Amino acid sequence: MSLSTHVLDTVAGSPAAGVALELRRGDGEVVAVAATDDDGRHSFGDVEAGEYELVFAIGDHFGSREFLDRIPVRFRIADGASKYHVPLLVSPWAYSTYRGS
């Protein structure tokens, strides 16, 4: 099962490159530390089924922590044979996420 993400900066209307990411298991153990590429994407490769939290360092990306700093997205991977994609559409004041394809 593969896990990936894509961060889109809705203020600039473009991918958010260089966003620091942390992938944690449900118990808080850090599984991976990475950053989005020039297209705002990152693939974590294969991960096991279970609970995870993906933390996006959005305050660093926007250079402001007036409202949002770190955005944690908790989710469960139930099917080890499926692809999981977690897009994040974000501004310094709001965000939206969903299970992508």
N, C-alpha and C. Protein backbone atom coordinates (compact mmCIF):
# COMPACT_ATOMS: atom_id res chain seq x y z
N MET A 1 0.83 -1.16 0.00
CA MET A 1 0.00 0.00 0.00
C MET A 1 0.89 1.23 0.00
N SER A 2 0.59 2.17 -0.84
CA SER A 2 1.41 3.38 -0.92
C SER A 2 0.65 4.58 -0.36
N LEU A 3 1.44 5.52 0.17
CA LEU A 3 0.88 6.74 0.75
C LEU A 3 1.58 7.93 0.12
N SER A 4 0.81 8.92 -0.31
CA SER A 4 1.38 10.13 -0.90
C SER A 4 0.55 11.34 -0.48
N THR A 5 1.12 12.53 -0.72
CA THR A 5 0.43 13.77 -0.42
C THR A 5 0.72 14.81 -1.50
N HIS A 6 -0.11 15.83 -1.56
CA HIS A 6 0.05 16.93 -2.50
C HIS A 6 -0.46 18.18 -1.80
N VAL A 7 0.37 19.20 -1.66
CA VAL A 7 -0.02 20.43 -0.97
C VAL A 7 -0.17 21.55 -1.99
N LEU A 8 -1.34 22.18 -1.98
CA LEU A 8 -1.62 23.28 -2.90
C LEU A 8 -1.85 24.56 -2.12
N ASP A 9 -1.10 25.59 -2.45
CA ASP A 9 -1.19 26.91 -1.83
C ASP A 9 -2.31 27.66 -2.54
N THR A 10 -3.45 27.86 -1.85
CA THR A 10 -4.60 28.49 -2.49
C THR A 10 -4.46 30.01 -2.59
N VAL A 11 -3.50 30.60 -1.87
CA VAL A 11 -3.25 32.03 -2.00
C VAL A 11 -2.50 32.30 -3.30
N ALA A 12 -1.44 31.53 -3.54
CA ALA A 12 -0.63 31.71 -4.75
C ALA A 12 -1.24 31.01 -5.96
N GLY A 13 -2.15 30.06 -5.70
CA GLY A 13 -2.73 29.30 -6.80
C GLY A 13 -1.72 28.37 -7.44
N SER A 14 -0.83 27.80 -6.61
CA SER A 14 0.22 26.93 -7.15
C SER A 14 0.59 25.87 -6.11
N PRO A 15 1.35 24.86 -6.53
CA PRO A 15 1.82 23.85 -5.58
C PRO A 15 2.70 24.50 -4.50
N ALA A 16 2.66 23.94 -3.30
CA ALA A 16 3.45 24.44 -2.18
C ALA A 16 4.72 23.60 -2.07
N ALA A 17 5.80 24.11 -2.63
CA ALA A 17 7.08 23.40 -2.61
C ALA A 17 7.78 23.61 -1.27
N GLY A 18 8.49 22.59 -0.82
CA GLY A 18 9.32 22.71 0.37
C GLY A 18 8.59 22.68 1.70
N VAL A 19 7.34 22.23 1.72
CA VAL A 19 6.61 22.14 2.98
C VAL A 19 7.15 20.94 3.76
N ALA A 20 7.61 21.19 4.98
CA ALA A 20 8.12 20.11 5.83
C ALA A 20 6.96 19.22 6.27
N LEU A 21 7.22 17.92 6.27
CA LEU A 21 6.21 16.91 6.61
C LEU A 21 6.75 15.96 7.67
N GLU A 22 5.89 15.50 8.53
CA GLU A 22 6.21 14.42 9.46
C GLU A 22 5.09 13.40 9.36
N LEU A 23 5.44 12.14 9.21
CA LEU A 23 4.47 11.06 9.23
C LEU A 23 4.67 10.31 10.54
N ARG A 24 3.59 10.21 11.32
CA ARG A 24 3.65 9.53 12.62
C ARG A 24 2.63 8.41 12.66
N ARG A 25 2.97 7.36 13.37
CA ARG A 25 1.99 6.30 13.65
C ARG A 25 0.99 6.84 14.67
N GLY A 26 -0.09 6.12 14.87
CA GLY A 26 -1.11 6.52 15.83
C GLY A 26 -0.58 6.68 17.24
N ASP A 27 0.51 5.96 17.58
CA ASP A 27 1.08 6.06 18.92
C ASP A 27 2.06 7.23 19.05
N GLY A 28 2.24 8.01 17.97
CA GLY A 28 3.12 9.17 17.99
C GLY A 28 4.52 8.92 17.47
N GLU A 29 4.89 7.67 17.22
CA GLU A 29 6.22 7.36 16.69
C GLU A 29 6.40 7.99 15.30
N VAL A 30 7.48 8.73 15.12
CA VAL A 30 7.77 9.35 13.82
C VAL A 30 8.27 8.26 12.87
N VAL A 31 7.57 8.11 11.75
CA VAL A 31 7.92 7.11 10.74
C VAL A 31 8.80 7.72 9.67
N ALA A 32 8.52 8.98 9.30
CA ALA A 32 9.28 9.63 8.24
C ALA A 32 9.23 11.14 8.40
N VAL A 33 10.32 11.80 7.99
CA VAL A 33 10.41 13.25 7.92
C VAL A 33 10.81 13.58 6.49
N ALA A 34 10.08 14.50 5.86
CA ALA A 34 10.32 14.79 4.44
C ALA A 34 9.88 16.21 4.14
N ALA A 35 9.89 16.57 2.86
CA ALA A 35 9.39 17.86 2.38
C ALA A 35 8.79 17.65 1.00
N THR A 36 7.83 18.50 0.66
CA THR A 36 7.23 18.41 -0.67
C THR A 36 8.24 18.86 -1.73
N ASP A 37 8.11 18.28 -2.93
CA ASP A 37 8.99 18.64 -4.04
C ASP A 37 8.50 19.91 -4.73
N ASP A 38 9.09 20.26 -5.86
CA ASP A 38 8.73 21.49 -6.57
C ASP A 38 7.27 21.51 -7.03
N ASP A 39 6.67 20.32 -7.16
CA ASP A 39 5.27 20.22 -7.56
C ASP A 39 4.35 20.08 -6.34
N GLY A 40 4.90 20.28 -5.13
CA GLY A 40 4.10 20.20 -3.91
C GLY A 40 3.74 18.79 -3.50
N ARG A 41 4.46 17.80 -4.02
CA ARG A 41 4.12 16.40 -3.78
C ARG A 41 5.20 15.68 -2.98
N HIS A 42 4.78 14.60 -2.32
CA HIS A 42 5.73 13.69 -1.70
C HIS A 42 5.09 12.31 -1.61
N SER A 43 5.87 11.28 -1.90
CA SER A 43 5.41 9.91 -1.75
C SER A 43 6.19 9.26 -0.62
N PHE A 44 5.47 8.69 0.32
CA PHE A 44 6.09 7.99 1.44
C PHE A 44 6.36 6.53 1.09
N GLY A 45 5.94 6.10 -0.09
CA GLY A 45 6.13 4.71 -0.47
C GLY A 45 5.16 3.81 0.27
N ASP A 46 5.57 2.59 0.49
CA ASP A 46 4.70 1.61 1.13
C ASP A 46 4.68 1.80 2.65
N VAL A 47 3.49 1.78 3.22
CA VAL A 47 3.31 1.82 4.66
C VAL A 47 2.30 0.74 5.05
N GLU A 48 2.37 0.31 6.29
CA GLU A 48 1.48 -0.74 6.79
C GLU A 48 0.11 -0.17 7.14
N ALA A 49 -0.88 -1.05 7.22
CA ALA A 49 -2.20 -0.64 7.67
C ALA A 49 -2.10 -0.15 9.11
N GLY A 50 -2.97 0.78 9.50
CA GLY A 50 -3.00 1.29 10.87
C GLY A 50 -3.38 2.75 10.91
N GLU A 51 -3.26 3.36 12.09
CA GLU A 51 -3.56 4.77 12.28
C GLU A 51 -2.31 5.61 12.08
N TYR A 52 -2.49 6.75 11.41
CA TYR A 52 -1.37 7.65 11.12
C TYR A 52 -1.78 9.10 11.34
N GLU A 53 -0.77 9.94 11.48
CA GLU A 53 -0.96 11.39 11.52
C GLU A 53 0.10 11.99 10.61
N LEU A 54 -0.34 12.79 9.68
CA LEU A 54 0.55 13.51 8.77
C LEU A 54 0.52 14.98 9.19
N VAL A 55 1.70 15.52 9.56
CA VAL A 55 1.78 16.88 10.07
C VAL A 55 2.46 17.77 9.03
N PHE A 56 1.77 18.83 8.63
CA PHE A 56 2.25 19.76 7.63
C PHE A 56 2.73 21.04 8.32
N ALA A 57 3.96 21.49 8.07
CA ALA A 57 4.51 22.70 8.68
C ALA A 57 4.14 23.92 7.82
N ILE A 58 2.90 24.31 7.90
CA ILE A 58 2.36 25.37 7.05
C ILE A 58 2.85 26.75 7.47
N GLY A 59 3.02 26.97 8.77
CA GLY A 59 3.53 28.26 9.25
C GLY A 59 4.88 28.57 8.66
N ASP A 60 5.74 27.56 8.54
CA ASP A 60 7.06 27.76 7.93
C ASP A 60 6.93 28.12 6.45
N HIS A 61 6.01 27.47 5.77
CA HIS A 61 5.82 27.72 4.33
C HIS A 61 5.38 29.16 4.08
N PHE A 62 4.41 29.63 4.86
CA PHE A 62 3.88 30.98 4.64
C PHE A 62 4.70 32.05 5.35
N GLY A 63 5.60 31.64 6.24
CA GLY A 63 6.41 32.62 6.98
C GLY A 63 5.61 33.39 8.01
N SER A 64 4.47 32.80 8.41
CA SER A 64 3.60 33.46 9.38
C SER A 64 2.91 32.40 10.23
N ARG A 65 2.82 32.67 11.50
CA ARG A 65 2.11 31.78 12.40
C ARG A 65 0.99 32.55 13.11
N GLU A 66 0.42 33.53 12.42
CA GLU A 66 -0.64 34.34 13.02
C GLU A 66 -1.86 33.50 13.32
N PHE A 67 -2.11 32.46 12.55
CA PHE A 67 -3.24 31.59 12.81
C PHE A 67 -2.83 30.12 12.72
N LEU A 68 -2.49 29.63 11.53
CA LEU A 68 -2.09 28.23 11.37
C LEU A 68 -0.57 28.08 11.46
N ASP A 69 -0.13 27.04 12.14
CA ASP A 69 1.29 26.72 12.21
C ASP A 69 1.49 25.30 11.69
N ARG A 70 1.17 24.32 12.50
CA ARG A 70 1.25 22.92 12.10
C ARG A 70 -0.17 22.40 11.89
N ILE A 71 -0.39 21.66 10.81
CA ILE A 71 -1.69 21.07 10.54
C ILE A 71 -1.54 19.55 10.64
N PRO A 72 -2.15 18.95 11.67
CA PRO A 72 -2.13 17.49 11.77
C PRO A 72 -3.37 16.90 11.11
N VAL A 73 -3.17 15.88 10.29
CA VAL A 73 -4.28 15.18 9.66
C VAL A 73 -4.18 13.72 10.09
N ARG A 74 -5.16 13.28 10.89
CA ARG A 74 -5.18 11.89 11.37
C ARG A 74 -6.08 11.07 10.46
N PHE A 75 -5.62 9.86 10.13
CA PHE A 75 -6.39 8.99 9.25
C PHE A 75 -6.03 7.54 9.53
N ARG A 76 -6.85 6.66 9.02
CA ARG A 76 -6.64 5.23 9.18
C ARG A 76 -6.46 4.59 7.81
N ILE A 77 -5.46 3.77 7.71
CA ILE A 77 -5.25 2.96 6.52
C ILE A 77 -5.78 1.57 6.84
N ALA A 78 -6.89 1.22 6.20
CA ALA A 78 -7.55 -0.04 6.51
C ALA A 78 -7.19 -1.13 5.52
N ASP A 79 -6.99 -0.75 4.28
CA ASP A 79 -6.75 -1.72 3.21
C ASP A 79 -5.30 -1.64 2.76
N GLY A 80 -4.51 -2.63 3.13
CA GLY A 80 -3.10 -2.64 2.80
C GLY A 80 -2.80 -2.77 1.31
N ALA A 81 -3.81 -3.05 0.51
CA ALA A 81 -3.60 -3.22 -0.93
C ALA A 81 -3.94 -1.96 -1.72
N SER A 82 -4.48 -0.94 -1.07
CA SER A 82 -4.92 0.26 -1.77
C SER A 82 -3.88 1.37 -1.73
N LYS A 83 -4.04 2.31 -2.64
CA LYS A 83 -3.23 3.53 -2.63
C LYS A 83 -3.97 4.58 -1.82
N TYR A 84 -3.25 5.27 -0.94
CA TYR A 84 -3.83 6.35 -0.16
C TYR A 84 -3.13 7.65 -0.52
N HIS A 85 -3.92 8.67 -0.81
CA HIS A 85 -3.39 9.97 -1.20
C HIS A 85 -4.10 11.02 -0.34
N VAL A 86 -3.31 11.89 0.34
CA VAL A 86 -3.86 12.90 1.24
C VAL A 86 -3.51 14.29 0.73
N PRO A 87 -4.36 14.89 -0.11
CA PRO A 87 -4.11 16.25 -0.58
C PRO A 87 -4.45 17.27 0.51
N LEU A 88 -3.76 18.41 0.49
CA LEU A 88 -4.04 19.50 1.41
C LEU A 88 -4.12 20.78 0.60
N LEU A 89 -5.27 21.44 0.63
CA LEU A 89 -5.43 22.76 0.02
C LEU A 89 -5.36 23.75 1.17
N VAL A 90 -4.44 24.74 1.09
CA VAL A 90 -4.16 25.52 2.29
C VAL A 90 -3.86 26.99 2.00
N SER A 91 -4.24 27.82 2.96
CA SER A 91 -3.86 29.23 3.02
C SER A 91 -3.37 29.46 4.45
N PRO A 92 -2.90 30.65 4.80
CA PRO A 92 -2.49 30.88 6.19
C PRO A 92 -3.66 30.84 7.18
N TRP A 93 -4.91 30.84 6.68
CA TRP A 93 -6.08 30.94 7.55
C TRP A 93 -7.05 29.77 7.46
N ALA A 94 -6.89 28.90 6.49
CA ALA A 94 -7.85 27.81 6.31
C ALA A 94 -7.23 26.66 5.53
N TYR A 95 -7.81 25.48 5.70
CA TYR A 95 -7.35 24.33 4.90
C TYR A 95 -8.48 23.35 4.69
N SER A 96 -8.28 22.48 3.71
CA SER A 96 -9.22 21.41 3.41
C SER A 96 -8.40 20.20 2.98
N THR A 97 -8.88 19.04 3.35
CA THR A 97 -8.22 17.81 2.95
C THR A 97 -9.28 16.75 2.64
N TYR A 98 -8.87 15.68 1.98
CA TYR A 98 -9.78 14.60 1.62
C TYR A 98 -8.93 13.40 1.22
N ARG A 99 -9.57 12.26 1.03
CA ARG A 99 -8.85 11.10 0.52
C ARG A 99 -8.88 11.17 -1.00
N GLY A 100 -7.73 11.44 -1.57
CA GLY A 100 -7.63 11.55 -3.03
C GLY A 100 -7.38 10.19 -3.67
N SER A 101 -7.13 10.24 -4.95
CA SER A 101 -6.88 8.99 -5.69
C SER A 101 -5.49 9.00 -6.29
